[in-house]
Structures are given as structure tokens and as C-alpha cells.
PDB file of N, CA and C in Angstrom:
ATOM      1  N   UNK A   1      14.782  18.655  -1.737  1.00  0.00           N
ATOM      2  CA  UNK A   1      15.749  18.522  -0.669  1.00  0.00           C
ATOM      3  C   UNK A   1      15.513  17.197   0.048  1.00  0.00           C
ATOM      4  N   UNK A   2      16.517  16.368   0.138  1.00  0.00           N
ATOM      5  CA  UNK A   2      16.328  15.061   0.789  1.00  0.00           C
ATOM      6  C   UNK A   2      16.147  15.206   2.301  1.00  0.00           C
ATOM      7  N   UNK A   3      15.445  14.228   2.850  1.00  0.00           N
ATOM      8  CA  UNK A   3      15.206  14.206   4.294  1.00  0.00           C
ATOM      9  C   UNK A   3      16.289  13.411   4.993  1.00  0.00           C
ATOM     10  N   UNK A   4      16.508  13.750   6.257  1.00  0.00           N
ATOM     11  CA  UNK A   4      17.440  12.988   7.088  1.00  0.00           C
ATOM     12  C   UNK A   4      16.644  12.199   8.118  1.00  0.00           C
ATOM     13  N   UNK A   5      17.304  11.263   8.761  1.00  0.00           N
ATOM     14  CA  UNK A   5      16.634  10.439   9.767  1.00  0.00           C
ATOM     15  C   UNK A   5      16.122  11.295  10.927  1.00  0.00           C
ATOM     16  N   UNK A   6      16.812  12.380  11.244  1.00  0.00           N
ATOM     17  CA  UNK A   6      16.401  13.243  12.349  1.00  0.00           C
ATOM     18  C   UNK A   6      15.042  13.899  12.089  1.00  0.00           C
ATOM     19  N   UNK A   7      14.660  14.037  10.836  1.00  0.00           N
ATOM     20  CA  UNK A   7      13.386  14.673  10.494  1.00  0.00           C
ATOM     21  C   UNK A   7      12.193  13.722  10.572  1.00  0.00           C
ATOM     22  N   UNK A   8      12.447  12.448  10.712  1.00  0.00           N
ATOM     23  CA  UNK A   8      11.367  11.457  10.665  1.00  0.00           C
ATOM     24  C   UNK A   8      10.344  11.666  11.774  1.00  0.00           C
ATOM     25  N   UNK A   9      10.783  11.922  12.993  1.00  0.00           N
ATOM     26  CA  UNK A   9       9.845  12.053  14.110  1.00  0.00           C
ATOM     27  C   UNK A   9       8.933  13.260  13.951  1.00  0.00           C
ATOM     28  N   UNK A  10       9.350  14.235  13.191  1.00  0.00           N
ATOM     29  CA  UNK A  10       8.496  15.389  12.923  1.00  0.00           C
ATOM     30  C   UNK A  10       7.299  14.990  12.047  1.00  0.00           C
ATOM     31  N   UNK A  11       7.460  13.928  11.272  1.00  0.00           N
ATOM     32  CA  UNK A  11       6.416  13.505  10.348  1.00  0.00           C
ATOM     33  C   UNK A  11       5.610  12.316  10.850  1.00  0.00           C
ATOM     34  N   UNK A  12       6.182  11.506  11.719  1.00  0.00           N
ATOM     35  CA  UNK A  12       5.458  10.374  12.296  1.00  0.00           C
ATOM     36  C   UNK A  12       6.049  10.016  13.652  1.00  0.00           C
ATOM     37  N   UNK A  13       5.205   9.887  14.638  1.00  0.00           N
ATOM     38  CA  UNK A  13       5.677   9.521  15.979  1.00  0.00           C
ATOM     39  C   UNK A  13       6.061   8.048  16.072  1.00  0.00           C
ATOM     40  N   UNK A  14       5.695   7.273  15.084  1.00  0.00           N
ATOM     41  CA  UNK A  14       6.001   5.836  15.114  1.00  0.00           C
ATOM     42  C   UNK A  14       7.448   5.538  14.780  1.00  0.00           C
ATOM     43  N   UNK A  15       8.151   6.481  14.202  1.00  0.00           N
ATOM     44  CA  UNK A  15       9.574   6.287  13.900  1.00  0.00           C
ATOM     45  C   UNK A  15      10.352   6.580  15.177  1.00  0.00           C
ATOM     46  N   UNK A  16      10.249   5.660  16.130  1.00  0.00           N
ATOM     47  CA  UNK A  16      10.773   5.917  17.473  1.00  0.00           C
ATOM     48  C   UNK A  16      12.075   5.185  17.782  1.00  0.00           C
ATOM     49  N   UNK A  17      12.688   4.593  16.778  1.00  0.00           N
ATOM     50  CA  UNK A  17      14.007   3.987  16.958  1.00  0.00           C
ATOM     51  C   UNK A  17      14.922   4.516  15.851  1.00  0.00           C
ATOM     52  N   UNK A  18      16.224   4.476  16.072  1.00  0.00           N
ATOM     53  CA  UNK A  18      17.142   4.940  15.012  1.00  0.00           C
ATOM     54  C   UNK A  18      16.955   4.169  13.701  1.00  0.00           C
ATOM     55  N   UNK A  19      16.677   2.876  13.810  1.00  0.00           N
ATOM     56  CA  UNK A  19      16.492   2.070  12.598  1.00  0.00           C
ATOM     57  C   UNK A  19      15.253   2.515  11.815  1.00  0.00           C
ATOM     58  N   UNK A  20      14.154   2.751  12.529  1.00  0.00           N
ATOM     59  CA  UNK A  20      12.930   3.189  11.848  1.00  0.00           C
ATOM     60  C   UNK A  20      13.087   4.589  11.270  1.00  0.00           C
ATOM     61  N   UNK A  21      13.818   5.462  11.947  1.00  0.00           N
ATOM     62  CA  UNK A  21      14.052   6.808  11.416  1.00  0.00           C
ATOM     63  C   UNK A  21      14.890   6.747  10.144  1.00  0.00           C
ATOM     64  N   UNK A  22      15.919   5.909  10.139  1.00  0.00           N
ATOM     65  CA  UNK A  22      16.744   5.745   8.935  1.00  0.00           C
ATOM     66  C   UNK A  22      15.911   5.180   7.783  1.00  0.00           C
ATOM     67  N   UNK A  23      15.094   4.189   8.092  1.00  0.00           N
ATOM     68  CA  UNK A  23      14.242   3.588   7.065  1.00  0.00           C
ATOM     69  C   UNK A  23      13.254   4.604   6.524  1.00  0.00           C
ATOM     70  N   UNK A  24      12.661   5.414   7.404  1.00  0.00           N
ATOM     71  CA  UNK A  24      11.707   6.440   6.975  1.00  0.00           C
ATOM     72  C   UNK A  24      12.375   7.386   5.972  1.00  0.00           C
ATOM     73  N   UNK A  25      13.572   7.857   6.310  1.00  0.00           N
ATOM     74  CA  UNK A  25      14.281   8.788   5.428  1.00  0.00           C
ATOM     75  C   UNK A  25      14.616   8.132   4.089  1.00  0.00           C
ATOM     76  N   UNK A  26      15.043   6.881   4.132  1.00  0.00           N
ATOM     77  CA  UNK A  26      15.390   6.169   2.900  1.00  0.00           C
ATOM     78  C   UNK A  26      14.172   6.033   1.986  1.00  0.00           C
ATOM     79  N   UNK A  27      13.055   5.626   2.552  1.00  0.00           N
ATOM     80  CA  UNK A  27      11.838   5.449   1.758  1.00  0.00           C
ATOM     81  C   UNK A  27      11.357   6.783   1.196  1.00  0.00           C
ATOM     82  N   UNK A  28      11.321   7.800   2.058  1.00  0.00           N
ATOM     83  CA  UNK A  28      10.847   9.116   1.616  1.00  0.00           C
ATOM     84  C   UNK A  28      11.730   9.672   0.505  1.00  0.00           C
ATOM     85  N   UNK A  29      13.028   9.554   0.648  1.00  0.00           N
ATOM     86  CA  UNK A  29      13.934  10.081  -0.376  1.00  0.00           C
ATOM     87  C   UNK A  29      13.853   9.303  -1.682  1.00  0.00           C
ATOM     88  N   UNK A  30      13.692   7.987  -1.592  1.00  0.00           N
ATOM     89  CA  UNK A  30      13.556   7.191  -2.818  1.00  0.00           C
ATOM     90  C   UNK A  30      12.261   7.534  -3.553  1.00  0.00           C
ATOM     91  N   UNK A  31      11.175   7.697  -2.797  1.00  0.00           N
ATOM     92  CA  UNK A  31       9.899   8.051  -3.425  1.00  0.00           C
ATOM     93  C   UNK A  31       9.965   9.455  -4.032  1.00  0.00           C
ATOM     94  N   UNK A  32      10.598  10.381  -3.326  1.00  0.00           N
ATOM     95  CA  UNK A  32      10.741  11.736  -3.853  1.00  0.00           C
ATOM     96  C   UNK A  32      11.527  11.722  -5.157  1.00  0.00           C
ATOM     97  N   UNK A  33      12.592  10.956  -5.208  1.00  0.00           N
ATOM     98  CA  UNK A  33      13.388  10.861  -6.433  1.00  0.00           C
ATOM     99  C   UNK A  33      12.584  10.246  -7.571  1.00  0.00           C
ATOM    100  N   UNK A  34      11.752   9.269  -7.231  1.00  0.00           N
ATOM    101  CA  UNK A  34      10.966   8.559  -8.239  1.00  0.00           C
ATOM    102  C   UNK A  34       9.806   9.390  -8.758  1.00  0.00           C
ATOM    103  N   UNK A  35       9.120  10.126  -7.856  1.00  0.00           N
ATOM    104  CA  UNK A  35       7.889  10.809  -8.246  1.00  0.00           C
ATOM    105  C   UNK A  35       7.987  12.326  -8.284  1.00  0.00           C
ATOM    106  N   UNK A  36       8.914  12.889  -7.509  1.00  0.00           N
ATOM    107  CA  UNK A  36       9.016  14.336  -7.428  1.00  0.00           C
ATOM    108  C   UNK A  36       7.937  14.970  -6.564  1.00  0.00           C
ATOM    109  N   UNK A  37       7.164  14.165  -5.863  1.00  0.00           N
ATOM    110  CA  UNK A  37       6.038  14.643  -5.055  1.00  0.00           C
ATOM    111  C   UNK A  37       6.368  14.474  -3.567  1.00  0.00           C
ATOM    112  N   UNK A  38       6.630  15.587  -2.880  1.00  0.00           N
ATOM    113  CA  UNK A  38       7.014  15.522  -1.474  1.00  0.00           C
ATOM    114  C   UNK A  38       5.905  14.951  -0.590  1.00  0.00           C
ATOM    115  N   UNK A  39       4.676  15.340  -0.840  1.00  0.00           N
ATOM    116  CA  UNK A  39       3.550  14.832  -0.051  1.00  0.00           C
ATOM    117  C   UNK A  39       3.408  13.330  -0.172  1.00  0.00           C
ATOM    118  N   UNK A  40       3.514  12.847  -1.375  1.00  0.00           N
ATOM    119  CA  UNK A  40       3.415  11.400  -1.590  1.00  0.00           C
ATOM    120  C   UNK A  40       4.567  10.672  -0.920  1.00  0.00           C
ATOM    121  N   UNK A  41       5.762  11.251  -0.991  1.00  0.00           N
ATOM    122  CA  UNK A  41       6.932  10.626  -0.374  1.00  0.00           C
ATOM    123  C   UNK A  41       6.738  10.486   1.136  1.00  0.00           C
ATOM    124  N   UNK A  42       6.228  11.529   1.768  1.00  0.00           N
ATOM    125  CA  UNK A  42       5.982  11.478   3.210  1.00  0.00           C
ATOM    126  C   UNK A  42       4.905  10.452   3.530  1.00  0.00           C
ATOM    127  N   UNK A  43       3.832  10.440   2.764  1.00  0.00           N
ATOM    128  CA  UNK A  43       2.743   9.483   3.010  1.00  0.00           C
ATOM    129  C   UNK A  43       3.223   8.047   2.851  1.00  0.00           C
ATOM    130  N   UNK A  44       3.986   7.765   1.817  1.00  0.00           N
ATOM    131  CA  UNK A  44       4.488   6.400   1.616  1.00  0.00           C
ATOM    132  C   UNK A  44       5.409   5.974   2.751  1.00  0.00           C
ATOM    133  N   UNK A  45       6.316   6.853   3.155  1.00  0.00           N
ATOM    134  CA  UNK A  45       7.230   6.518   4.246  1.00  0.00           C
ATOM    135  C   UNK A  45       6.450   6.301   5.539  1.00  0.00           C
ATOM    136  N   UNK A  46       5.476   7.159   5.812  1.00  0.00           N
ATOM    137  CA  UNK A  46       4.662   7.004   7.017  1.00  0.00           C
ATOM    138  C   UNK A  46       3.896   5.688   7.003  1.00  0.00           C
ATOM    139  N   UNK A  47       3.382   5.305   5.855  1.00  0.00           N
ATOM    140  CA  UNK A  47       2.612   4.066   5.757  1.00  0.00           C
ATOM    141  C   UNK A  47       3.489   2.848   6.041  1.00  0.00           C
ATOM    142  N   UNK A  48       4.695   2.838   5.515  1.00  0.00           N
ATOM    143  CA  UNK A  48       5.594   1.701   5.751  1.00  0.00           C
ATOM    144  C   UNK A  48       5.964   1.622   7.226  1.00  0.00           C
ATOM    145  N   UNK A  49       6.303   2.746   7.823  1.00  0.00           N
ATOM    146  CA  UNK A  49       6.677   2.758   9.236  1.00  0.00           C
ATOM    147  C   UNK A  49       5.495   2.341  10.106  1.00  0.00           C
ATOM    148  N   UNK A  50       4.303   2.800   9.790  1.00  0.00           N
ATOM    149  CA  UNK A  50       3.114   2.414  10.559  1.00  0.00           C
ATOM    150  C   UNK A  50       2.885   0.908  10.466  1.00  0.00           C
ATOM    151  N   UNK A  51       3.046   0.346   9.286  1.00  0.00           N
ATOM    152  CA  UNK A  51       2.866  -1.094   9.095  1.00  0.00           C
ATOM    153  C   UNK A  51       3.895  -1.879   9.919  1.00  0.00           C
ATOM    154  N   UNK A  52       5.132  -1.432   9.886  1.00  0.00           N
ATOM    155  CA  UNK A  52       6.179  -2.113  10.654  1.00  0.00           C
ATOM    156  C   UNK A  52       5.945  -1.970  12.157  1.00  0.00           C
ATOM    157  N   UNK A  53       5.483  -0.828  12.597  1.00  0.00           N
ATOM    158  CA  UNK A  53       5.222  -0.612  14.021  1.00  0.00           C
ATOM    159  C   UNK A  53       4.095  -1.523  14.508  1.00  0.00           C
ATOM    160  N   UNK A  54       3.093  -1.745  13.676  1.00  0.00           N
ATOM    161  CA  UNK A  54       1.979  -2.642  14.047  1.00  0.00           C
ATOM    162  C   UNK A  54       2.445  -4.088  14.129  1.00  0.00           C
ATOM    163  N   UNK A  55       3.397  -4.474  13.308  1.00  0.00           N
ATOM    164  CA  UNK A  55       3.887  -5.846  13.268  1.00  0.00           C
ATOM    165  C   UNK A  55       4.917  -6.145  14.346  1.00  0.00           C
ATOM    166  N   UNK A  56       5.509  -5.105  14.925  1.00  0.00           N
ATOM    167  CA  UNK A  56       6.588  -5.294  15.893  1.00  0.00           C
ATOM    168  C   UNK A  56       6.057  -5.960  17.155  1.00  0.00           C
ATOM    169  N   UNK A  57       6.812  -6.899  17.683  1.00  0.00           N
ATOM    170  CA  UNK A  57       6.389  -7.538  18.949  1.00  0.00           C
ATOM    171  C   UNK A  57       6.434  -6.522  20.077  1.00  0.00           C
ATOM    172  N   UNK A  58       5.471  -6.610  20.932  1.00  0.00           N
ATOM    173  CA  UNK A  58       5.392  -5.685  22.072  1.00  0.00           C
ATOM    174  C   UNK A  58       5.844  -6.389  23.322  1.00  0.00           C
ATOM    175  N   UNK A  59       6.516  -5.652  24.165  1.00  0.00           N
ATOM    176  CA  UNK A  59       6.920  -6.299  25.391  1.00  0.00           C
ATOM    177  C   UNK A  59       7.911  -5.594  26.141  1.00  0.00           C
TER     178      UNK A  59
END
């Protein structure tokens, strides 16, 4: 079952903007389609969002 952007915050608190939530869902769904592994899909999406959150300018 594919994930929606609304489900992103349940899996990572760093997906705190609509853009990051959409990106999280896109990455998770693409990984799920590629591997069939839900756990891996969530981990990969979380890792990308965490990396982007660390790089984002603060202010």
C-alpha cells in the first residue's frame, strides 16, 4: 500500500513542511516498488529527509 504525504510525520518528525512530506512519500513509495520491503522504504525516506533537514539554512 503506497504512503501519502500525510503519513510522513508519523514516521519522521523532520518532515515538517508540505514539500518534505511529499518528498518523503515519493521516496518511500519508489523504494517500496523497487524492493518490496516496507521497512527499507521507510528507512531510506527518513534518511533522505534527515539529510535535507540538516542541510537546510536555519533562521
